[in-house]
Amino acid sequence: MNLTSPTLTRERVRHEFAVRPMTVTGWRDITPRMRRVTLAGPMEGFVSTGPGDHVKVFFPHPVTGELHAPRVAPDGGIERPQGVELISRDYTPLVNDRGELELDFFLHGDGGPAGDWAARVSEGDQIDVAGPRGSKLAPTGADWFVLGGDESALPALSRWLRILPETADVTVLAEVHDADDEAYLAHLAGQNRRITWLHRGDALPGTTALLEDAARAVARPGGVGFFWFGGEAGTLKPVRRYLRRELELDASTVECSGYWKRGEANHDHHAPVDPEDPEA
């Protein structure tokens, strides 16, 4: 490890655990493959201040239609229902100008419970939303940022672009199917916010080296940089190894979050992208 590699500080903030019953009030397609669902419910006390925050969304059982989720125990802990199947996935929370919760679903047709629910969503449908349990704030002291990911990371990329100061120098590397997907972030581009679109075409998600190649080619100006990537865990492993092993960057300046993994249902995005890295 390069002992002169600079470090950055990121504050962690814990939030009170809450599970909110939410009702669908509307939906619209942001791109041909990204659907935004608007939800109404008890938003009092909802706090989400980190660019990579996530909530755990509980869906009705696709066969029985029954909806089960944890509840807040009398002592403030988590009370999980017994003897029933909990169907949940993690999503990036978005809050619109009216204070309503919005969730964006990538419609990739994989037959998963979340995507299938979003594909047939109707007003009045109900889900439960837990969290966020905490926030990891944007780093302080960075001179520039490189952010990247596939479609699963687009909501988080939008949060990064909204949370970072307008004066921040930001490069975004976004892997998508084709130009139709560019509408998701295009309105957030600017003089200091450059978005490079990486078109995957007919290749399956999670099978290309587009993000690694783009990370290797990106310009790195002077000063201290911060790298954040989200997406398929297998494609992010070589990205992280390039940043940590070849460039010898400090762990505090690199974050790679495996939002999903090919061939694995409900992948734990808290799992390290590279288990061989002791600081992962």
Protein backbone atom coordinates (compact mmCIF):
# COMPACT_ATOMS: atom_id res chain seq x y z
CA MET A 1 0.00 0.00 0.00
CA ASN A 2 1.21 3.47 -0.88
CA LEU A 3 1.79 5.08 2.52
CA THR A 4 1.36 8.55 1.02
CA SER A 5 -2.11 7.79 -0.35
CA PRO A 6 -4.49 10.46 1.02
CA THR A 7 -7.45 9.56 3.19
CA LEU A 8 -10.97 10.95 3.42
CA THR A 9 -13.50 11.14 6.23
CA ARG A 10 -17.14 10.06 5.94
CA GLU A 11 -19.55 10.59 8.81
CA ARG A 12 -22.03 7.85 9.69
CA VAL A 13 -25.41 8.77 11.15
CA ARG A 14 -27.80 6.27 12.71
CA HIS A 15 -31.58 6.66 12.36
CA GLU A 16 -34.42 5.37 14.49
CA PHE A 17 -35.80 2.10 13.14
CA ALA A 18 -39.22 2.44 11.54
CA VAL A 19 -41.42 0.39 9.23
CA ARG A 20 -43.87 2.43 7.19
CA PRO A 21 -46.99 1.06 5.48
CA MET A 22 -47.06 2.73 2.05
CA THR A 23 -49.73 2.94 -0.63
CA VAL A 24 -49.08 3.41 -4.34
CA THR A 25 -50.49 6.72 -5.58
CA GLY A 26 -49.02 6.65 -9.08
CA TRP A 27 -46.25 5.51 -11.37
CA ARG A 28 -44.52 6.59 -14.56
CA ASP A 29 -41.76 5.27 -16.79
CA ILE A 30 -38.66 7.48 -16.64
CA THR A 31 -37.05 5.43 -19.42
CA PRO A 32 -38.26 2.34 -21.31
CA ARG A 33 -36.67 0.20 -18.60
CA MET A 34 -36.97 2.31 -15.42
CA ARG A 35 -40.31 2.75 -13.65
CA ARG A 36 -40.82 5.28 -10.84
CA VAL A 37 -43.46 4.38 -8.27
CA THR A 38 -44.84 7.12 -5.99
CA LEU A 39 -45.93 6.13 -2.49
CA ALA A 40 -47.98 7.80 0.23
CA GLY A 41 -47.73 6.99 3.90
CA PRO A 42 -46.47 8.18 7.28
CA MET A 43 -43.31 10.07 6.35
CA GLU A 44 -42.90 11.80 9.71
CA GLY A 45 -39.38 11.24 10.97
CA PHE A 46 -38.11 9.89 7.65
CA VAL A 47 -34.44 10.84 7.31
CA SER A 48 -32.14 10.00 4.42
CA THR A 49 -29.02 12.14 4.09
CA GLY A 50 -26.45 9.81 2.52
CA PRO A 51 -26.05 9.40 -1.25
CA GLY A 52 -25.94 5.61 -0.96
CA ASP A 53 -28.83 5.20 1.49
CA HIS A 54 -31.20 2.29 1.06
CA VAL A 55 -34.54 1.15 2.42
CA LYS A 56 -35.76 -2.43 2.68
CA VAL A 57 -39.00 -2.86 0.76
CA PHE A 58 -41.37 -5.70 1.69
CA PHE A 59 -43.67 -7.00 -1.06
CA PRO A 60 -46.86 -9.08 -0.99
CA HIS A 61 -46.40 -12.79 -1.64
CA PRO A 62 -46.85 -13.30 -5.41
CA VAL A 63 -49.19 -16.28 -4.83
CA THR A 64 -51.09 -15.55 -1.61
CA GLY A 65 -50.95 -11.77 -1.78
CA GLU A 66 -50.13 -11.65 1.93
CA LEU A 67 -47.80 -8.87 3.05
CA HIS A 68 -45.49 -9.53 6.00
CA ALA A 69 -42.79 -7.29 7.43
CA PRO A 70 -40.95 -6.71 10.71
CA ARG A 71 -42.38 -4.29 13.23
CA VAL A 72 -40.91 -2.06 15.90
CA ALA A 73 -40.82 -3.95 19.19
CA PRO A 74 -41.93 -2.26 22.43
CA ASP A 75 -38.29 -1.86 23.44
CA GLY A 76 -37.46 -0.19 20.12
CA GLY A 77 -35.88 -3.28 18.60
CA ILE A 78 -36.97 -5.31 15.61
CA GLU A 79 -39.82 -7.81 15.93
CA ARG A 80 -39.89 -10.28 13.04
CA PRO A 81 -42.98 -12.36 12.25
CA GLN A 82 -42.52 -16.09 12.69
CA GLY A 83 -43.60 -18.88 10.36
CA VAL A 84 -44.12 -16.69 7.30
CA GLU A 85 -42.00 -15.81 4.29
CA LEU A 86 -40.68 -12.27 4.13
CA ILE A 87 -40.19 -11.06 0.56
CA SER A 88 -37.93 -8.03 0.48
CA ARG A 89 -35.39 -6.17 -1.61
CA ASP A 90 -33.25 -3.09 -0.96
CA TYR A 91 -33.89 0.11 -2.91
CA THR A 92 -32.56 3.65 -3.03
CA PRO A 93 -35.13 6.07 -1.56
CA LEU A 94 -36.04 9.23 -3.44
CA VAL A 95 -38.23 11.98 -1.98
CA ASN A 96 -40.01 14.33 -4.39
CA ASP A 97 -40.85 18.02 -3.94
CA ARG A 98 -44.17 17.08 -2.30
CA GLY A 99 -42.45 15.03 0.38
CA GLU A 100 -43.62 11.73 -1.11
CA LEU A 101 -41.43 8.64 -1.23
CA GLU A 102 -40.48 7.41 -4.69
CA LEU A 103 -38.78 4.17 -5.69
CA ASP A 104 -37.27 3.43 -9.09
CA PHE A 105 -37.48 -0.13 -10.43
CA PHE A 106 -35.29 -1.45 -13.26
CA LEU A 107 -37.65 -3.56 -15.38
CA HIS A 108 -35.27 -6.27 -16.58
CA GLY A 109 -37.83 -9.08 -16.74
CA ASP A 110 -35.90 -11.56 -14.60
CA GLY A 111 -38.99 -12.93 -12.91
CA GLY A 112 -37.99 -11.60 -9.49
CA PRO A 113 -40.68 -10.56 -6.99
CA ALA A 114 -39.77 -6.86 -6.99
CA GLY A 115 -39.56 -6.44 -10.75
CA ASP A 116 -42.75 -8.42 -11.31
CA TRP A 117 -44.57 -6.31 -8.73
CA ALA A 118 -43.39 -3.08 -10.35
CA ALA A 119 -44.31 -4.32 -13.84
CA ARG A 120 -47.96 -4.77 -12.86
CA VAL A 121 -48.24 -2.06 -10.18
CA SER A 122 -51.55 -0.26 -9.73
CA GLU A 123 -52.74 2.66 -7.63
CA GLY A 124 -53.79 1.44 -4.20
CA ASP A 125 -51.24 -1.38 -4.02
CA GLN A 126 -49.55 -1.64 -0.65
CA ILE A 127 -46.00 -2.39 0.47
CA ASP A 128 -44.03 -1.85 3.67
CA VAL A 129 -40.82 0.17 3.75
CA ALA A 130 -38.23 -0.16 6.52
CA GLY A 131 -35.40 2.28 7.12
CA PRO A 132 -33.03 3.74 6.31
CA ARG A 133 -31.29 2.45 9.42
CA GLY A 134 -28.46 4.88 8.86
CA SER A 135 -26.70 7.22 6.45
CA LYS A 136 -23.10 7.35 5.28
CA LEU A 137 -22.57 10.95 4.27
CA ALA A 138 -20.58 12.14 1.28
CA PRO A 139 -16.85 12.40 2.06
CA THR A 140 -15.37 15.68 3.16
CA GLY A 141 -12.11 16.90 1.70
CA ALA A 142 -12.40 15.40 -1.79
CA ASP A 143 -11.37 17.63 -4.71
CA TRP A 144 -13.12 15.54 -7.36
CA PHE A 145 -15.38 12.52 -7.71
CA VAL A 146 -15.69 9.59 -10.09
CA LEU A 147 -19.04 7.82 -9.80
CA GLY A 148 -20.08 4.77 -11.79
CA GLY A 149 -22.55 1.95 -12.09
CA ASP A 150 -25.09 0.04 -14.12
CA GLU A 151 -28.87 0.53 -14.21
CA SER A 152 -29.28 -0.73 -10.65
CA ALA A 153 -27.09 2.15 -9.46
CA LEU A 154 -28.80 4.94 -11.42
CA PRO A 155 -30.99 6.04 -8.46
CA ALA A 156 -27.92 6.22 -6.21
CA LEU A 157 -26.00 8.13 -8.89
CA SER A 158 -28.84 10.65 -9.04
CA ARG A 159 -28.66 11.05 -5.26
CA TRP A 160 -24.91 11.64 -5.44
CA LEU A 161 -25.40 14.33 -8.08
CA ARG A 162 -28.10 16.04 -6.02
CA ILE A 163 -26.27 15.88 -2.69
CA LEU A 164 -22.80 16.97 -3.83
CA PRO A 165 -22.25 20.74 -4.08
CA GLU A 166 -22.80 22.22 -7.54
CA THR A 167 -19.16 23.30 -7.51
CA ALA A 168 -17.94 19.71 -7.06
CA ASP A 169 -16.04 18.25 -10.01
CA VAL A 170 -17.87 15.03 -10.88
CA THR A 171 -17.39 12.41 -13.59
CA VAL A 172 -20.11 9.78 -13.98
CA LEU A 173 -19.61 6.47 -15.80
CA ALA A 174 -23.01 4.90 -16.48
CA GLU A 175 -23.42 1.50 -18.10
CA VAL A 176 -26.86 1.11 -19.72
CA HIS A 177 -28.54 -0.83 -22.51
CA ASP A 178 -28.71 1.98 -25.07
CA ALA A 179 -29.32 5.70 -25.60
CA ASP A 180 -32.95 5.43 -24.47
CA ASP A 181 -31.70 4.99 -20.91
CA GLU A 182 -29.75 8.25 -20.90
CA ALA A 183 -32.85 10.29 -20.04
CA TYR A 184 -32.58 9.11 -16.45
CA LEU A 185 -29.55 11.27 -15.61
CA ALA A 186 -29.20 13.60 -18.59
CA HIS A 187 -30.93 16.52 -16.84
CA LEU A 188 -28.36 16.38 -14.03
CA ALA A 189 -25.36 16.90 -16.32
CA GLY A 190 -23.57 20.25 -16.21
CA GLN A 191 -20.28 22.05 -16.64
CA ASN A 192 -18.74 20.30 -13.63
CA ARG A 193 -20.81 17.14 -14.03
CA ARG A 194 -19.71 15.05 -16.96
CA ILE A 195 -21.66 11.89 -17.77
CA THR A 196 -20.09 9.21 -19.96
CA TRP A 197 -22.64 6.69 -21.21
CA LEU A 198 -21.44 3.14 -21.76
CA HIS A 199 -23.86 1.29 -24.06
CA ARG A 200 -23.96 -2.43 -23.41
CA GLY A 201 -26.22 -3.21 -26.38
CA ASP A 202 -27.33 -6.83 -26.61
CA ALA A 203 -24.86 -8.02 -23.98
CA LEU A 204 -26.51 -9.20 -20.78
CA PRO A 205 -26.19 -6.97 -17.69
CA GLY A 206 -23.25 -7.95 -15.54
CA THR A 207 -21.26 -9.56 -18.36
CA THR A 208 -19.11 -6.74 -19.74
CA ALA A 209 -15.90 -4.95 -18.75
CA LEU A 210 -17.29 -1.54 -19.72
CA LEU A 211 -17.04 -0.06 -16.23
CA GLU A 212 -13.52 -1.38 -15.65
CA ASP A 213 -12.32 -0.06 -19.01
CA ALA A 214 -13.92 3.33 -18.34
CA ALA A 215 -12.43 3.51 -14.85
CA ARG A 216 -8.98 2.84 -16.27
CA ALA A 217 -9.42 5.54 -18.91
CA VAL A 218 -10.89 8.28 -16.71
CA ALA A 219 -8.79 11.38 -16.13
CA ARG A 220 -7.51 11.87 -12.60
CA PRO A 221 -6.74 15.53 -11.90
CA GLY A 222 -4.54 16.70 -9.06
CA GLY A 223 -5.72 16.72 -5.49
CA VAL A 224 -7.71 14.08 -3.65
CA GLY A 225 -10.27 12.04 -5.54
CA PHE A 226 -13.11 9.80 -4.40
CA PHE A 227 -14.41 6.80 -6.36
CA TRP A 228 -17.87 5.27 -5.90
CA PHE A 229 -19.26 2.40 -7.97
CA GLY A 230 -22.46 0.40 -7.66
CA GLY A 231 -23.83 -2.47 -9.73
CA GLU A 232 -23.26 -6.16 -10.43
CA ALA A 233 -20.74 -7.48 -7.90
CA GLY A 234 -18.70 -9.50 -10.39
CA THR A 235 -18.11 -6.57 -12.73
CA LEU A 236 -17.09 -4.31 -9.85
CA LYS A 237 -14.43 -6.65 -8.48
CA PRO A 238 -11.85 -5.77 -11.17
CA VAL A 239 -12.77 -2.09 -10.81
CA ARG A 240 -12.00 -2.21 -7.11
CA ARG A 241 -8.79 -4.17 -7.65
CA TYR A 242 -7.61 -1.61 -10.19
CA LEU A 243 -8.26 1.26 -7.78
CA ARG A 244 -6.96 -0.42 -4.64
CA ARG A 245 -4.12 -2.61 -5.95
CA GLU A 246 -2.82 -0.93 -9.08
CA LEU A 247 -3.40 2.71 -8.12
CA GLU A 248 -2.83 1.89 -4.43
CA LEU A 249 -5.61 4.19 -3.30
CA ASP A 250 -6.59 4.29 0.34
CA ALA A 251 -9.77 2.39 1.23
CA SER A 252 -11.39 5.62 2.44
CA THR A 253 -11.28 6.99 -1.12
CA VAL A 254 -12.92 3.96 -2.77
CA GLU A 255 -16.36 2.42 -2.32
CA CYS A 256 -17.74 -0.36 -4.52
CA SER A 257 -21.17 -1.70 -3.65
CA GLY A 258 -22.41 -4.91 -5.24
CA TYR A 259 -26.13 -4.20 -5.60
CA TRP A 260 -26.75 -7.55 -7.26
CA LYS A 261 -24.90 -10.63 -8.45
CA ARG A 262 -25.54 -12.75 -11.51
CA GLY A 263 -27.06 -16.11 -10.63
CA GLU A 264 -27.82 -15.13 -7.04
CA ALA A 265 -31.27 -14.09 -5.80
CA ASN A 266 -31.48 -11.29 -3.23
CA HIS A 267 -27.72 -10.71 -3.06
CA ASP A 268 -26.54 -9.02 0.13
CA HIS A 269 -25.13 -5.71 -1.04
CA HIS A 270 -23.31 -5.33 2.28
CA ALA A 271 -21.05 -8.23 1.29
CA PRO A 272 -17.57 -7.14 0.14
CA VAL A 273 -17.10 -6.95 -3.61
CA ASP A 274 -13.61 -8.38 -3.17
CA PRO A 275 -13.44 -10.75 -0.17
CA GLU A 276 -9.66 -10.94 -0.57
CA ASP A 277 -9.31 -7.26 0.33
CA PRO A 278 -9.10 -7.14 4.15
CA GLU A 279 -10.37 -3.57 4.18
CA ALA A 280 -13.44 -4.32 2.04
